[in-house]
Amino acid sequence: MEKSIGPRGAKIGPLSASQGGVSLNTAEEGKPKVPSYSVYTAYDGQMNVQALPFIVVEMRSWTSEQVPDLKQNPPPLNESMDHLDALIDGMWLRPIDPGMPELQGK
């Protein structure tokens, strides 16, 4: 069963971003579920502002069938989304001194 994720709004630290992806079950019919997913979160940057480039965070899962060194299959999507949300929420912009003129007053 395939499930679309988004598109929806998200935050990468303080920046407004977009998020989307797909989740599906890669197990053969009649076998236990094997979650597989790919989720992109992206900020499109600001033209001519070096301090605010394009940023993308990609979360992809791999199954033990795809990568034999893995000891187990990926966790359910909702568990991984919690980790992704914590990661992108914790990202921040490093202040620079002197401040960039393009960012003054923002």
C-alpha atoms as a PDB file:
ATOM      1  CA  MET A   1       0.000   0.000   0.000  1.00  0.00           C
ATOM      2  CA  GLU A   2       1.405   3.351  -1.043  1.00  0.00           C
ATOM      3  CA  LYS A   3       0.812   6.564   0.919  1.00  0.00           C
ATOM      4  CA  SER A   4       1.656  10.069  -0.240  1.00  0.00           C
ATOM      5  CA  ILE A   5       3.262  12.392   2.312  1.00  0.00           C
ATOM      6  CA  GLY A   6       2.410  16.042   1.743  1.00  0.00           C
ATOM      7  CA  PRO A   7       3.180  18.323   0.164  1.00  0.00           C
ATOM      8  CA  ARG A   8       2.894  20.339   3.340  1.00  0.00           C
ATOM      9  CA  GLY A   9       4.549  23.182   5.157  1.00  0.00           C
ATOM     10  CA  ALA A  10       7.439  22.498   7.514  1.00  0.00           C
ATOM     11  CA  LYS A  11      10.179  24.403   9.315  1.00  0.00           C
ATOM     12  CA  ILE A  12      13.917  23.941   9.027  1.00  0.00           C
ATOM     13  CA  GLY A  13      14.828  25.789  12.210  1.00  0.00           C
ATOM     14  CA  PRO A  14      13.276  29.244  11.770  1.00  0.00           C
ATOM     15  CA  LEU A  15      12.923  28.920   7.982  1.00  0.00           C
ATOM     16  CA  SER A  16       9.638  28.096   6.262  1.00  0.00           C
ATOM     17  CA  ALA A  17      10.108  24.977   4.155  1.00  0.00           C
ATOM     18  CA  SER A  18       8.141  22.407   2.161  1.00  0.00           C
ATOM     19  CA  GLN A  19       7.930  18.688   2.840  1.00  0.00           C
ATOM     20  CA  GLY A  20       6.750  15.757   0.771  1.00  0.00           C
ATOM     21  CA  GLY A  21       7.446  12.133   0.049  1.00  0.00           C
ATOM     22  CA  VAL A  22       6.052   8.634  -0.147  1.00  0.00           C
ATOM     23  CA  SER A  23       5.675   5.633   2.133  1.00  0.00           C
ATOM     24  CA  LEU A  24       5.043   2.085   0.982  1.00  0.00           C
ATOM     25  CA  ASN A  25       5.163  -1.544   2.060  1.00  0.00           C
ATOM     26  CA  THR A  26       7.865  -3.442   0.182  1.00  0.00           C
ATOM     27  CA  ALA A  27       7.086  -6.883   1.609  1.00  0.00           C
ATOM     28  CA  GLU A  28       5.857  -9.649  -0.620  1.00  0.00           C
ATOM     29  CA  GLU A  29       2.160 -10.430  -0.358  1.00  0.00           C
ATOM     30  CA  GLY A  30       1.341 -12.484   2.732  1.00  0.00           C
ATOM     31  CA  LYS A  31       4.593 -11.591   4.551  1.00  0.00           C
ATOM     32  CA  PRO A  32       5.042  -9.139   7.482  1.00  0.00           C
ATOM     33  CA  LYS A  33       5.069  -5.462   6.520  1.00  0.00           C
ATOM     34  CA  VAL A  34       8.393  -3.893   5.580  1.00  0.00           C
ATOM     35  CA  PRO A  35       8.077  -0.098   5.695  1.00  0.00           C
ATOM     36  CA  SER A  36       9.942   1.866   3.071  1.00  0.00           C
ATOM     37  CA  TYR A  37       9.810   5.636   2.758  1.00  0.00           C
ATOM     38  CA  SER A  38      11.479   8.705   1.354  1.00  0.00           C
ATOM     39  CA  VAL A  39      10.738  12.192   2.683  1.00  0.00           C
ATOM     40  CA  TYR A  40      12.256  15.479   1.510  1.00  0.00           C
ATOM     41  CA  THR A  41      12.175  18.718   3.464  1.00  0.00           C
ATOM     42  CA  ALA A  42      13.516  21.727   1.579  1.00  0.00           C
ATOM     43  CA  TYR A  43      14.000  25.476   1.917  1.00  0.00           C
ATOM     44  CA  ASP A  44      14.408  27.218  -1.435  1.00  0.00           C
ATOM     45  CA  GLY A  45      16.942  29.807  -0.285  1.00  0.00           C
ATOM     46  CA  GLN A  46      17.030  33.483  -1.156  1.00  0.00           C
ATOM     47  CA  MET A  47      18.454  34.781  -4.400  1.00  0.00           C
ATOM     48  CA  ASN A  48      21.720  36.730  -3.948  1.00  0.00           C
ATOM     49  CA  VAL A  49      21.916  36.072  -0.181  1.00  0.00           C
ATOM     50  CA  GLN A  50      24.865  33.802   0.575  1.00  0.00           C
ATOM     51  CA  ALA A  51      23.787  33.308   4.185  1.00  0.00           C
ATOM     52  CA  LEU A  52      20.473  31.702   3.127  1.00  0.00           C
ATOM     53  CA  PRO A  53      21.252  28.969   0.567  1.00  0.00           C
ATOM     54  CA  PHE A  54      19.025  26.149  -0.673  1.00  0.00           C
ATOM     55  CA  ILE A  55      18.743  23.535   2.104  1.00  0.00           C
ATOM     56  CA  VAL A  56      17.407  20.002   1.713  1.00  0.00           C
ATOM     57  CA  VAL A  57      17.110  17.255   4.297  1.00  0.00           C
ATOM     58  CA  GLU A  58      16.306  13.825   2.892  1.00  0.00           C
ATOM     59  CA  MET A  59      15.152  10.873   4.978  1.00  0.00           C
ATOM     60  CA  ARG A  60      15.206   7.512   3.210  1.00  0.00           C
ATOM     61  CA  SER A  61      14.788   4.039   4.565  1.00  0.00           C
ATOM     62  CA  TRP A  62      16.628   0.916   3.468  1.00  0.00           C
ATOM     63  CA  THR A  63      15.517  -2.654   4.096  1.00  0.00           C
ATOM     64  CA  SER A  64      17.752  -5.490   5.233  1.00  0.00           C
ATOM     65  CA  GLU A  65      17.077  -7.081   1.864  1.00  0.00           C
ATOM     66  CA  GLN A  66      18.512  -4.027   0.091  1.00  0.00           C
ATOM     67  CA  VAL A  67      21.455  -3.663   2.505  1.00  0.00           C
ATOM     68  CA  PRO A  68      22.380  -7.054   3.992  1.00  0.00           C
ATOM     69  CA  ASP A  69      24.570  -5.450   6.711  1.00  0.00           C
ATOM     70  CA  LEU A  70      21.445  -4.016   8.393  1.00  0.00           C
ATOM     71  CA  LYS A  71      20.357  -6.059  11.389  1.00  0.00           C
ATOM     72  CA  GLN A  72      16.684  -5.074  11.088  1.00  0.00           C
ATOM     73  CA  ASN A  73      14.244  -3.315   8.806  1.00  0.00           C
ATOM     74  CA  PRO A  74      13.441   0.380   9.296  1.00  0.00           C
ATOM     75  CA  PRO A  75      11.094   1.541  12.040  1.00  0.00           C
ATOM     76  CA  PRO A  76       7.541   2.634  11.199  1.00  0.00           C
ATOM     77  CA  LEU A  77       7.234   5.954   9.380  1.00  0.00           C
ATOM     78  CA  ASN A  78       5.704   7.818  12.342  1.00  0.00           C
ATOM     79  CA  GLU A  79       8.726   6.940  14.519  1.00  0.00           C
ATOM     80  CA  SER A  80      11.181   8.113  11.868  1.00  0.00           C
ATOM     81  CA  MET A  81       9.122  11.287  11.258  1.00  0.00           C
ATOM     82  CA  ASP A  82       9.493  12.129  14.972  1.00  0.00           C
ATOM     83  CA  HIS A  83      13.278  11.896  14.561  1.00  0.00           C
ATOM     84  CA  LEU A  84      13.217  13.929  11.338  1.00  0.00           C
ATOM     85  CA  ASP A  85      11.058  16.617  12.948  1.00  0.00           C
ATOM     86  CA  ALA A  86      13.467  16.854  15.903  1.00  0.00           C
ATOM     87  CA  LEU A  87      16.440  17.132  13.548  1.00  0.00           C
ATOM     88  CA  ILE A  88      15.031  19.881  11.324  1.00  0.00           C
ATOM     89  CA  ASP A  89      13.495  21.718  14.279  1.00  0.00           C
ATOM     90  CA  GLY A  90      16.919  21.848  15.938  1.00  0.00           C
ATOM     91  CA  MET A  91      18.669  23.390  12.938  1.00  0.00           C
ATOM     92  CA  TRP A  92      19.555  27.057  13.292  1.00  0.00           C
ATOM     93  CA  LEU A  93      21.220  29.906  11.461  1.00  0.00           C
ATOM     94  CA  ARG A  94      24.645  30.839  12.760  1.00  0.00           C
ATOM     95  CA  PRO A  95      24.880  34.577  13.418  1.00  0.00           C
ATOM     96  CA  ILE A  96      27.769  36.332  11.715  1.00  0.00           C
ATOM     97  CA  ASP A  97      29.536  39.536  12.711  1.00  0.00           C
ATOM     98  CA  PRO A  98      29.364  41.927  11.048  1.00  0.00           C
ATOM     99  CA  GLY A  99      25.847  41.064   9.966  1.00  0.00           C
ATOM    100  CA  MET A 100      25.124  40.695   6.280  1.00  0.00           C
ATOM    101  CA  PRO A 101      23.401  43.788   4.824  1.00  0.00           C
ATOM    102  CA  GLU A 102      20.870  41.515   3.042  1.00  0.00           C
ATOM    103  CA  LEU A 103      19.607  40.281   6.414  1.00  0.00           C
ATOM    104  CA  GLN A 104      19.344  43.577   8.238  1.00  0.00           C
ATOM    105  CA  GLY A 105      15.794  44.267   9.348  1.00  0.00           C
ATOM    106  CA  LYS A 106      14.576  40.652   8.839  1.00  0.00           C
END
